[in-house]
Amino acid sequence: MTRVAVVTGANKGIGFHVAQQLLASCTVVILACRDASRGEAAVRRLSDPKARFMQLDIGDEASIATFAAAVEQDVGRVDALVNDAAIAFKAADPTPFAAQTEPTLKINVRGTVALTDALLPLLERSDAGRLVHVASMTGKLREVSRKRRRDFSDPALTTERLLGLADDFAADVAAGRHKAAGWGSSNYGLSKPCVIAHSKILARKYAGSALRVNACCPGYCRTDMSSNRGGRPPEVGARNAVLLALPDCGLNGEFVQDEAVSAW
């Protein structure tokens, strides 16, 4: 059976290992990466004819449109989309907190939503579509105030309103009131409940269909994002996303951590 997977941010870290592990169950695995040289190097490292590189910058609308059109032309549908691409400023980065907010939201939230929107028509063509948002333990609702927990977990939440919440956070950061407003103190951290909430919005929308939508936390892994300080090998963390991307996974609207459903 032909099965096509797309993995963003697949040139290194969690994304690379997700792509590598999906080669066992897919006939095509597309490594979607912003940097062409790194993406092509990752494909060479995999040394598998089922792996292919396609350029994608999820922070650029034109790049997303070009990518989606190319995927449709080349393979016709998508059976599994793993959204791993994300950025996180290092703790020692001198960039002011407020200046980190927009770049973080642009990639981690708006870019993830935009790419998903572009590929949903191709996922809908699959008889066992799987959409996975790679999130983080920082996306747990305990990291925000009670009011914000209600905002994110509202069963009537829409994607439009979710993006509005991200905009509200950015406005509160600019005004220096984000902590008092209950958003927490991390740009990356706030981007992740947005990602998890988006997975739940889509899970509700597609309930009863062949498409399953979930989010996961790979754990604190030894990757570039953690400055290689994590205690978990990235290939172990990647298994959380891989399990959710397989056709025999029946979960929908869940948050998975340590390869088990976890409370959000």
C-alpha atoms as a PDB file:
ATOM      1  CA  MET A   1       0.000   0.000   0.000  1.00  0.00           C
ATOM      2  CA  THR A   2       1.302   3.425  -0.931  1.00  0.00           C
ATOM      3  CA  ARG A   3       1.683   5.726   2.060  1.00  0.00           C
ATOM      4  CA  VAL A   4       3.084   9.261   1.911  1.00  0.00           C
ATOM      5  CA  ALA A   5       4.412  11.153   4.925  1.00  0.00           C
ATOM      6  CA  VAL A   6       5.520  14.771   5.212  1.00  0.00           C
ATOM      7  CA  VAL A   7       7.771  15.775   8.105  1.00  0.00           C
ATOM      8  CA  THR A   8       8.675  19.421   8.649  1.00  0.00           C
ATOM      9  CA  GLY A   9      11.919  20.447  10.302  1.00  0.00           C
ATOM     10  CA  ALA A  10      13.282  17.068   9.266  1.00  0.00           C
ATOM     11  CA  ASN A  11      16.903  17.956   8.591  1.00  0.00           C
ATOM     12  CA  LYS A  12      17.931  17.372  12.231  1.00  0.00           C
ATOM     13  CA  GLY A  13      16.770  16.541  15.731  1.00  0.00           C
ATOM     14  CA  ILE A  14      13.346  15.084  16.402  1.00  0.00           C
ATOM     15  CA  GLY A  15      12.147  15.702  12.847  1.00  0.00           C
ATOM     16  CA  PHE A  16      15.024  13.758  11.314  1.00  0.00           C
ATOM     17  CA  HIS A  17      14.384  10.744  13.510  1.00  0.00           C
ATOM     18  CA  VAL A  18      10.642  10.887  12.842  1.00  0.00           C
ATOM     19  CA  ALA A  19      11.383  10.777   9.116  1.00  0.00           C
ATOM     20  CA  GLN A  20      13.880   7.966   9.575  1.00  0.00           C
ATOM     21  CA  GLN A  21      11.442   5.826  11.551  1.00  0.00           C
ATOM     22  CA  LEU A  22       8.544   6.467   9.170  1.00  0.00           C
ATOM     23  CA  LEU A  23      10.575   4.987   6.319  1.00  0.00           C
ATOM     24  CA  ALA A  24       9.684   1.563   7.743  1.00  0.00           C
ATOM     25  CA  SER A  25       5.955   2.078   7.116  1.00  0.00           C
ATOM     26  CA  CYS A  26       5.817   4.589   4.241  1.00  0.00           C
ATOM     27  CA  THR A  27       6.608   4.377   0.561  1.00  0.00           C
ATOM     28  CA  VAL A  28       7.483   8.090   0.387  1.00  0.00           C
ATOM     29  CA  VAL A  29       8.784  10.296   3.204  1.00  0.00           C
ATOM     30  CA  ILE A  30       9.171  13.954   2.310  1.00  0.00           C
ATOM     31  CA  LEU A  31      11.683  15.866   4.413  1.00  0.00           C
ATOM     32  CA  ALA A  32      10.373  19.431   4.342  1.00  0.00           C
ATOM     33  CA  CYS A  33      13.185  21.790   5.327  1.00  0.00           C
ATOM     34  CA  ARG A  34      13.930  25.487   4.939  1.00  0.00           C
ATOM     35  CA  ASP A  35      17.650  25.049   4.266  1.00  0.00           C
ATOM     36  CA  ALA A  36      18.174  23.126   1.031  1.00  0.00           C
ATOM     37  CA  SER A  37      21.755  22.073   1.741  1.00  0.00           C
ATOM     38  CA  ARG A  38      20.824  20.673   5.146  1.00  0.00           C
ATOM     39  CA  GLY A  39      17.718  18.985   3.795  1.00  0.00           C
ATOM     40  CA  GLU A  40      19.630  17.313   0.998  1.00  0.00           C
ATOM     41  CA  ALA A  41      22.337  16.252   3.450  1.00  0.00           C
ATOM     42  CA  ALA A  42      19.678  14.673   5.666  1.00  0.00           C
ATOM     43  CA  VAL A  43      18.329  12.661   2.729  1.00  0.00           C
ATOM     44  CA  ARG A  44      21.848  11.468   1.913  1.00  0.00           C
ATOM     45  CA  ARG A  45      22.317  10.495   5.548  1.00  0.00           C
ATOM     46  CA  LEU A  46      19.131   8.411   5.452  1.00  0.00           C
ATOM     47  CA  SER A  47      20.376   6.644   2.328  1.00  0.00           C
ATOM     48  CA  ASP A  48      16.929   5.357   1.410  1.00  0.00           C
ATOM     49  CA  PRO A  49      15.271   5.884  -1.989  1.00  0.00           C
ATOM     50  CA  LYS A  50      11.930   6.422  -0.244  1.00  0.00           C
ATOM     51  CA  ALA A  51      13.241   9.625   1.371  1.00  0.00           C
ATOM     52  CA  ARG A  52      13.141  12.845  -0.598  1.00  0.00           C
ATOM     53  CA  PHE A  53      13.797  16.495   0.183  1.00  0.00           C
ATOM     54  CA  MET A  54      11.439  19.352  -0.641  1.00  0.00           C
ATOM     55  CA  GLN A  55      12.162  22.967   0.284  1.00  0.00           C
ATOM     56  CA  LEU A  56       9.719  24.626   2.667  1.00  0.00           C
ATOM     57  CA  ASP A  57       9.767  27.717   4.863  1.00  0.00           C
ATOM     58  CA  ILE A  58       6.636  27.618   7.016  1.00  0.00           C
ATOM     59  CA  GLY A  59       7.130  31.281   7.823  1.00  0.00           C
ATOM     60  CA  ASP A  60       6.563  32.239   4.191  1.00  0.00           C
ATOM     61  CA  GLU A  61       3.109  32.023   2.596  1.00  0.00           C
ATOM     62  CA  ALA A  62       4.489  31.748  -0.933  1.00  0.00           C
ATOM     63  CA  SER A  63       6.782  28.895   0.097  1.00  0.00           C
ATOM     64  CA  ILE A  64       3.845  27.052   1.675  1.00  0.00           C
ATOM     65  CA  ALA A  65       1.731  27.460  -1.462  1.00  0.00           C
ATOM     66  CA  THR A  66       4.567  26.283  -3.703  1.00  0.00           C
ATOM     67  CA  PHE A  67       5.250  23.308  -1.451  1.00  0.00           C
ATOM     68  CA  ALA A  68       1.606  22.213  -1.282  1.00  0.00           C
ATOM     69  CA  ALA A  69       1.263  22.443  -5.060  1.00  0.00           C
ATOM     70  CA  ALA A  70       4.448  20.437  -5.573  1.00  0.00           C
ATOM     71  CA  VAL A  71       3.338  17.718  -3.150  1.00  0.00           C
ATOM     72  CA  GLU A  72      -0.022  17.434  -4.896  1.00  0.00           C
ATOM     73  CA  GLN A  73       1.630  17.198  -8.293  1.00  0.00           C
ATOM     74  CA  ASP A  74       4.286  14.696  -7.196  1.00  0.00           C
ATOM     75  CA  VAL A  75       2.322  12.314  -4.965  1.00  0.00           C
ATOM     76  CA  GLY A  76      -1.334  13.368  -5.088  1.00  0.00           C
ATOM     77  CA  ARG A  77      -2.140  13.064  -1.401  1.00  0.00           C
ATOM     78  CA  VAL A  78      -0.652  13.068   2.097  1.00  0.00           C
ATOM     79  CA  ASP A  79      -1.282  10.207   4.511  1.00  0.00           C
ATOM     80  CA  ALA A  80       0.682  11.594   7.454  1.00  0.00           C
ATOM     81  CA  LEU A  81       1.796  15.130   8.268  1.00  0.00           C
ATOM     82  CA  VAL A  82       4.119  15.624  11.228  1.00  0.00           C
ATOM     83  CA  ASN A  83       4.541  19.300  12.060  1.00  0.00           C
ATOM     84  CA  ASP A  84       7.892  19.417  13.834  1.00  0.00           C
ATOM     85  CA  ALA A  85       9.362  22.688  12.510  1.00  0.00           C
ATOM     86  CA  ALA A  86       9.717  25.243  15.295  1.00  0.00           C
ATOM     87  CA  ILE A  87      12.123  27.777  16.731  1.00  0.00           C
ATOM     88  CA  ALA A  88      13.190  28.561  20.282  1.00  0.00           C
ATOM     89  CA  PHE A  89      15.528  31.348  21.306  1.00  0.00           C
ATOM     90  CA  LYS A  90      18.346  30.201  23.578  1.00  0.00           C
ATOM     91  CA  ALA A  91      18.286  31.359  27.190  1.00  0.00           C
ATOM     92  CA  ALA A  92      21.538  33.257  26.630  1.00  0.00           C
ATOM     93  CA  ASP A  93      20.289  35.002  23.479  1.00  0.00           C
ATOM     94  CA  PRO A  94      20.627  38.780  23.963  1.00  0.00           C
ATOM     95  CA  THR A  95      17.527  39.508  21.868  1.00  0.00           C
ATOM     96  CA  PRO A  96      14.982  41.274  24.105  1.00  0.00           C
ATOM     97  CA  PHE A  97      12.034  39.095  25.110  1.00  0.00           C
ATOM     98  CA  ALA A  98       9.545  41.314  23.279  1.00  0.00           C
ATOM     99  CA  ALA A  99      11.595  41.071  20.081  1.00  0.00           C
ATOM    100  CA  GLN A 100      11.515  37.268  20.290  1.00  0.00           C
ATOM    101  CA  THR A 101       7.732  37.067  20.445  1.00  0.00           C
ATOM    102  CA  GLU A 102       6.730  37.721  16.847  1.00  0.00           C
ATOM    103  CA  PRO A 103       9.387  35.459  15.233  1.00  0.00           C
ATOM    104  CA  THR A 104       8.393  32.638  17.584  1.00  0.00           C
ATOM    105  CA  LEU A 105       4.668  32.957  16.930  1.00  0.00           C
ATOM    106  CA  LYS A 106       5.235  33.388  13.189  1.00  0.00           C
ATOM    107  CA  ILE A 107       6.848  29.965  12.881  1.00  0.00           C
ATOM    108  CA  ASN A 108       5.518  27.907  15.757  1.00  0.00           C
ATOM    109  CA  VAL A 109       1.887  28.980  15.575  1.00  0.00           C
ATOM    110  CA  ARG A 110       0.934  30.853  12.419  1.00  0.00           C
ATOM    111  CA  GLY A 111       3.274  28.877  10.181  1.00  0.00           C
ATOM    112  CA  THR A 112       2.111  25.547  11.574  1.00  0.00           C
ATOM    113  CA  VAL A 113      -1.533  26.532  11.093  1.00  0.00           C
ATOM    114  CA  ALA A 114      -0.921  27.858   7.574  1.00  0.00           C
ATOM    115  CA  LEU A 115       0.908  24.742   6.399  1.00  0.00           C
ATOM    116  CA  THR A 116      -1.733  22.502   7.918  1.00  0.00           C
ATOM    117  CA  ASP A 117      -4.475  24.456   6.154  1.00  0.00           C
ATOM    118  CA  ALA A 118      -2.617  24.084   2.853  1.00  0.00           C
ATOM    119  CA  LEU A 119      -2.177  20.317   3.212  1.00  0.00           C
ATOM    120  CA  LEU A 120      -5.544  19.405   4.730  1.00  0.00           C
ATOM    121  CA  PRO A 121      -7.127  18.884   1.283  1.00  0.00           C
ATOM    122  CA  LEU A 122      -4.400  16.306   0.566  1.00  0.00           C
ATOM    123  CA  LEU A 123      -4.821  14.662   3.976  1.00  0.00           C
ATOM    124  CA  GLU A 124      -8.555  14.387   3.324  1.00  0.00           C
ATOM    125  CA  ARG A 125      -7.773  12.171   0.322  1.00  0.00           C
ATOM    126  CA  SER A 126      -6.185   9.521   2.553  1.00  0.00           C
ATOM    127  CA  ASP A 127      -8.170   6.584   3.873  1.00  0.00           C
ATOM    128  CA  ALA A 128      -6.091   6.749   7.074  1.00  0.00           C
ATOM    129  CA  GLY A 129      -4.894  10.333   7.394  1.00  0.00           C
ATOM    130  CA  ARG A 130      -2.798  11.243  10.411  1.00  0.00           C
ATOM    131  CA  LEU A 131      -1.918  14.783  11.490  1.00  0.00           C
ATOM    132  CA  VAL A 132       0.573  15.228  14.318  1.00  0.00           C
ATOM    133  CA  HIS A 133       1.652  18.483  15.954  1.00  0.00           C
ATOM    134  CA  VAL A 134       4.916  18.140  17.853  1.00  0.00           C
ATOM    135  CA  ALA A 135       4.455  20.205  20.992  1.00  0.00           C
ATOM    136  CA  SER A 136       6.208  20.232  24.358  1.00  0.00           C
ATOM    137  CA  MET A 137       5.707  19.781  28.072  1.00  0.00           C
ATOM    138  CA  THR A 138       5.682  23.601  28.151  1.00  0.00           C
ATOM    139  CA  GLY A 139       2.346  23.373  26.351  1.00  0.00           C
ATOM    140  CA  LYS A 140       0.660  21.967  29.445  1.00  0.00           C
ATOM    141  CA  LEU A 141      -2.172  24.174  30.675  1.00  0.00           C
ATOM    142  CA  ARG A 142      -0.611  24.334  34.134  1.00  0.00           C
ATOM    143  CA  GLU A 143       1.856  26.848  32.661  1.00  0.00           C
ATOM    144  CA  VAL A 144      -0.841  29.506  32.192  1.00  0.00           C
ATOM    145  CA  SER A 145      -3.497  31.111  34.394  1.00  0.00           C
ATOM    146  CA  ARG A 146      -6.933  29.669  35.038  1.00  0.00           C
ATOM    147  CA  LYS A 147      -8.496  32.142  32.629  1.00  0.00           C
ATOM    148  CA  ARG A 148      -6.069  31.216  29.867  1.00  0.00           C
ATOM    149  CA  ARG A 149      -6.710  27.537  30.530  1.00  0.00           C
ATOM    150  CA  ARG A 150     -10.382  28.178  29.883  1.00  0.00           C
ATOM    151  CA  ASP A 151      -9.520  30.084  26.703  1.00  0.00           C
ATOM    152  CA  PHE A 152      -7.359  27.299  25.274  1.00  0.00           C
ATOM    153  CA  SER A 153      -9.584  24.402  26.339  1.00  0.00           C
ATOM    154  CA  ASP A 154     -12.885  25.963  25.258  1.00  0.00           C
ATOM    155  CA  PRO A 155     -14.661  23.281  23.174  1.00  0.00           C
ATOM    156  CA  ALA A 156     -16.059  26.062  20.982  1.00  0.00           C
ATOM    157  CA  LEU A 157     -12.592  27.484  20.236  1.00  0.00           C
ATOM    158  CA  THR A 158     -11.967  28.100  16.535  1.00  0.00           C
ATOM    159  CA  THR A 159      -8.708  28.469  14.657  1.00  0.00           C
ATOM    160  CA  GLU A 160      -9.509  32.129  14.044  1.00  0.00           C
ATOM    161  CA  ARG A 161     -10.008  32.741  17.760  1.00  0.00           C
ATOM    162  CA  LEU A 162      -6.876  30.746  18.588  1.00  0.00           C
ATOM    163  CA  LEU A 163      -4.803  32.982  16.335  1.00  0.00           C
ATOM    164  CA  GLY A 164      -6.483  35.893  18.068  1.00  0.00           C
ATOM    165  CA  LEU A 165      -5.247  34.569  21.414  1.00  0.00           C
ATOM    166  CA  ALA A 166      -1.717  34.485  20.012  1.00  0.00           C
ATOM    167  CA  ASP A 167      -2.158  38.091  18.899  1.00  0.00           C
ATOM    168  CA  ASP A 168      -3.455  39.008  22.363  1.00  0.00           C
ATOM    169  CA  PHE A 169      -0.353  37.484  23.923  1.00  0.00           C
ATOM    170  CA  ALA A 170       1.892  39.454  21.566  1.00  0.00           C
ATOM    171  CA  ALA A 171       0.058  42.674  22.419  1.00  0.00           C
ATOM    172  CA  ASP A 172       0.404  41.987  26.138  1.00  0.00           C
ATOM    173  CA  VAL A 173       4.119  41.297  25.714  1.00  0.00           C
ATOM    174  CA  ALA A 174       4.557  44.595  23.879  1.00  0.00           C
ATOM    175  CA  ALA A 175       2.752  46.361  26.728  1.00  0.00           C
ATOM    176  CA  GLY A 176       4.807  44.546  29.367  1.00  0.00           C
ATOM    177  CA  ARG A 177       1.780  42.916  30.961  1.00  0.00           C
ATOM    178  CA  HIS A 178       1.934  39.331  29.688  1.00  0.00           C
ATOM    179  CA  LYS A 179       2.702  37.809  33.091  1.00  0.00           C
ATOM    180  CA  ALA A 180      -0.094  39.726  34.799  1.00  0.00           C
ATOM    181  CA  ALA A 181      -2.418  38.691  31.964  1.00  0.00           C
ATOM    182  CA  GLY A 182      -1.777  35.028  32.750  1.00  0.00           C
ATOM    183  CA  TRP A 183       0.249  34.028  29.697  1.00  0.00           C
ATOM    184  CA  GLY A 184       3.345  32.858  31.541  1.00  0.00           C
ATOM    185  CA  SER A 185       6.883  34.000  30.866  1.00  0.00           C
ATOM    186  CA  SER A 186       8.009  32.087  27.775  1.00  0.00           C
ATOM    187  CA  ASN A 187       7.427  32.832  24.102  1.00  0.00           C
ATOM    188  CA  TYR A 188       8.206  29.259  23.097  1.00  0.00           C
ATOM    189  CA  GLY A 189       6.189  27.968  26.024  1.00  0.00           C
ATOM    190  CA  LEU A 190       3.117  29.978  25.018  1.00  0.00           C
ATOM    191  CA  SER A 191       3.382  28.830  21.412  1.00  0.00           C
ATOM    192  CA  LYS A 192       2.911  25.213  22.438  1.00  0.00           C
ATOM    193  CA  PRO A 193      -0.541  25.362  24.077  1.00  0.00           C
ATOM    194  CA  CYS A 194      -1.542  27.128  20.869  1.00  0.00           C
ATOM    195  CA  VAL A 195      -0.292  24.144  18.875  1.00  0.00           C
ATOM    196  CA  ILE A 196      -2.024  21.632  21.135  1.00  0.00           C
ATOM    197  CA  ALA A 197      -5.263  23.636  21.058  1.00  0.00           C
ATOM    198  CA  HIS A 198      -5.100  23.684  17.254  1.00  0.00           C
ATOM    199  CA  SER A 199      -4.797  19.899  17.160  1.00  0.00           C
ATOM    200  CA  LYS A 200      -7.907  19.610  19.313  1.00  0.00           C
ATOM    201  CA  ILE A 201      -9.845  22.072  17.136  1.00  0.00           C
ATOM    202  CA  LEU A 202      -9.107  19.951  14.069  1.00  0.00           C
ATOM    203  CA  ALA A 203      -9.773  16.696  15.918  1.00  0.00           C
ATOM    204  CA  ARG A 204     -13.269  17.944  16.704  1.00  0.00           C
ATOM    205  CA  LYS A 205     -13.782  19.087  13.124  1.00  0.00           C
ATOM    206  CA  TYR A 206     -12.746  15.743  11.635  1.00  0.00           C
ATOM    207  CA  ALA A 207     -14.287  13.469  14.270  1.00  0.00           C
ATOM    208  CA  GLY A 208     -15.927  10.530  12.545  1.00  0.00           C
ATOM    209  CA  SER A 209     -13.767  10.844   9.441  1.00  0.00           C
ATOM    210  CA  ALA A 210     -10.668   8.910   8.391  1.00  0.00           C
ATOM    211  CA  LEU A 211      -8.414  11.721   9.626  1.00  0.00           C
ATOM    212  CA  ARG A 212      -6.996  11.562  13.149  1.00  0.00           C
ATOM    213  CA  VAL A 213      -5.372  14.631  14.719  1.00  0.00           C
ATOM    214  CA  ASN A 214      -3.186  14.588  17.826  1.00  0.00           C
ATOM    215  CA  ALA A 215      -0.304  16.399  19.505  1.00  0.00           C
ATOM    216  CA  CYS A 216       2.681  15.028  21.371  1.00  0.00           C
ATOM    217  CA  CYS A 217       5.629  15.902  23.558  1.00  0.00           C
ATOM    218  CA  PRO A 218       8.891  14.159  22.614  1.00  0.00           C
ATOM    219  CA  GLY A 219      10.414  14.913  26.015  1.00  0.00           C
ATOM    220  CA  TYR A 220      13.598  16.780  26.847  1.00  0.00           C
ATOM    221  CA  CYS A 221      15.872  15.371  24.159  1.00  0.00           C
ATOM    222  CA  ARG A 222      19.492  15.868  23.205  1.00  0.00           C
ATOM    223  CA  THR A 223      18.966  18.155  20.220  1.00  0.00           C
ATOM    224  CA  ASP A 224      20.223  21.480  18.962  1.00  0.00           C
ATOM    225  CA  MET A 225      17.117  23.155  20.396  1.00  0.00           C
ATOM    226  CA  SER A 226      18.069  22.022  23.914  1.00  0.00           C
ATOM    227  CA  SER A 227      21.767  22.760  23.287  1.00  0.00           C
ATOM    228  CA  ASN A 228      22.178  18.975  23.585  1.00  0.00           C
ATOM    229  CA  ARG A 229      21.394  19.124  27.296  1.00  0.00           C
ATOM    230  CA  GLY A 230      18.367  16.855  27.203  1.00  0.00           C
ATOM    231  CA  GLY A 231      18.562  13.471  28.842  1.00  0.00           C
ATOM    232  CA  ARG A 232      16.616  11.595  26.185  1.00  0.00           C
ATOM    233  CA  PRO A 233      18.002  10.504  22.800  1.00  0.00           C
ATOM    234  CA  PRO A 234      16.053  12.172  19.965  1.00  0.00           C
ATOM    235  CA  GLU A 235      15.252   8.822  18.374  1.00  0.00           C
ATOM    236  CA  VAL A 236      13.375   7.881  21.552  1.00  0.00           C
ATOM    237  CA  GLY A 237      11.473  11.163  21.680  1.00  0.00           C
ATOM    238  CA  ALA A 238      10.577  10.796  18.009  1.00  0.00           C
ATOM    239  CA  ARG A 239       8.622   7.621  18.716  1.00  0.00           C
ATOM    240  CA  ASN A 240       5.775   9.662  20.217  1.00  0.00           C
ATOM    241  CA  ALA A 241       5.104  11.366  16.883  1.00  0.00           C
ATOM    242  CA  VAL A 242       5.713   8.197  14.865  1.00  0.00           C
ATOM    243  CA  LEU A 243       3.124   6.223  16.830  1.00  0.00           C
ATOM    244  CA  LEU A 244       0.516   8.898  16.134  1.00  0.00           C
ATOM    245  CA  ALA A 245       1.413   8.974  12.430  1.00  0.00           C
ATOM    246  CA  LEU A 246       0.831   5.265  11.852  1.00  0.00           C
ATOM    247  CA  PRO A 247      -2.403   4.109  10.186  1.00  0.00           C
ATOM    248  CA  ASP A 248      -3.282   1.754  13.049  1.00  0.00           C
ATOM    249  CA  CYS A 249      -3.337   4.584  15.600  1.00  0.00           C
ATOM    250  CA  GLY A 250      -6.954   5.227  16.541  1.00  0.00           C
ATOM    251  CA  LEU A 251      -6.373   8.140  18.915  1.00  0.00           C
ATOM    252  CA  ASN A 252      -7.984  11.472  18.092  1.00  0.00           C
ATOM    253  CA  GLY A 253      -7.718  14.786  19.910  1.00  0.00           C
ATOM    254  CA  GLU A 254      -5.182  13.511  22.433  1.00  0.00           C
ATOM    255  CA  PHE A 255      -1.891  14.760  23.848  1.00  0.00           C
ATOM    256  CA  VAL A 256       0.724  12.009  24.024  1.00  0.00           C
ATOM    257  CA  GLN A 257       3.834  12.014  26.186  1.00  0.00           C
ATOM    258  CA  ASP A 258       6.166   9.104  26.975  1.00  0.00           C
ATOM    259  CA  GLU A 259       4.237   7.081  24.378  1.00  0.00           C
ATOM    260  CA  ALA A 260       1.005   7.290  26.377  1.00  0.00           C
ATOM    261  CA  VAL A 261      -1.981   9.623  26.524  1.00  0.00           C
ATOM    262  CA  SER A 262      -1.277  12.439  28.969  1.00  0.00           C
ATOM    263  CA  ALA A 263      -3.530  15.013  30.596  1.00  0.00           C
ATOM    264  CA  TRP A 264      -3.232  18.404  28.934  1.00  0.00           C
END
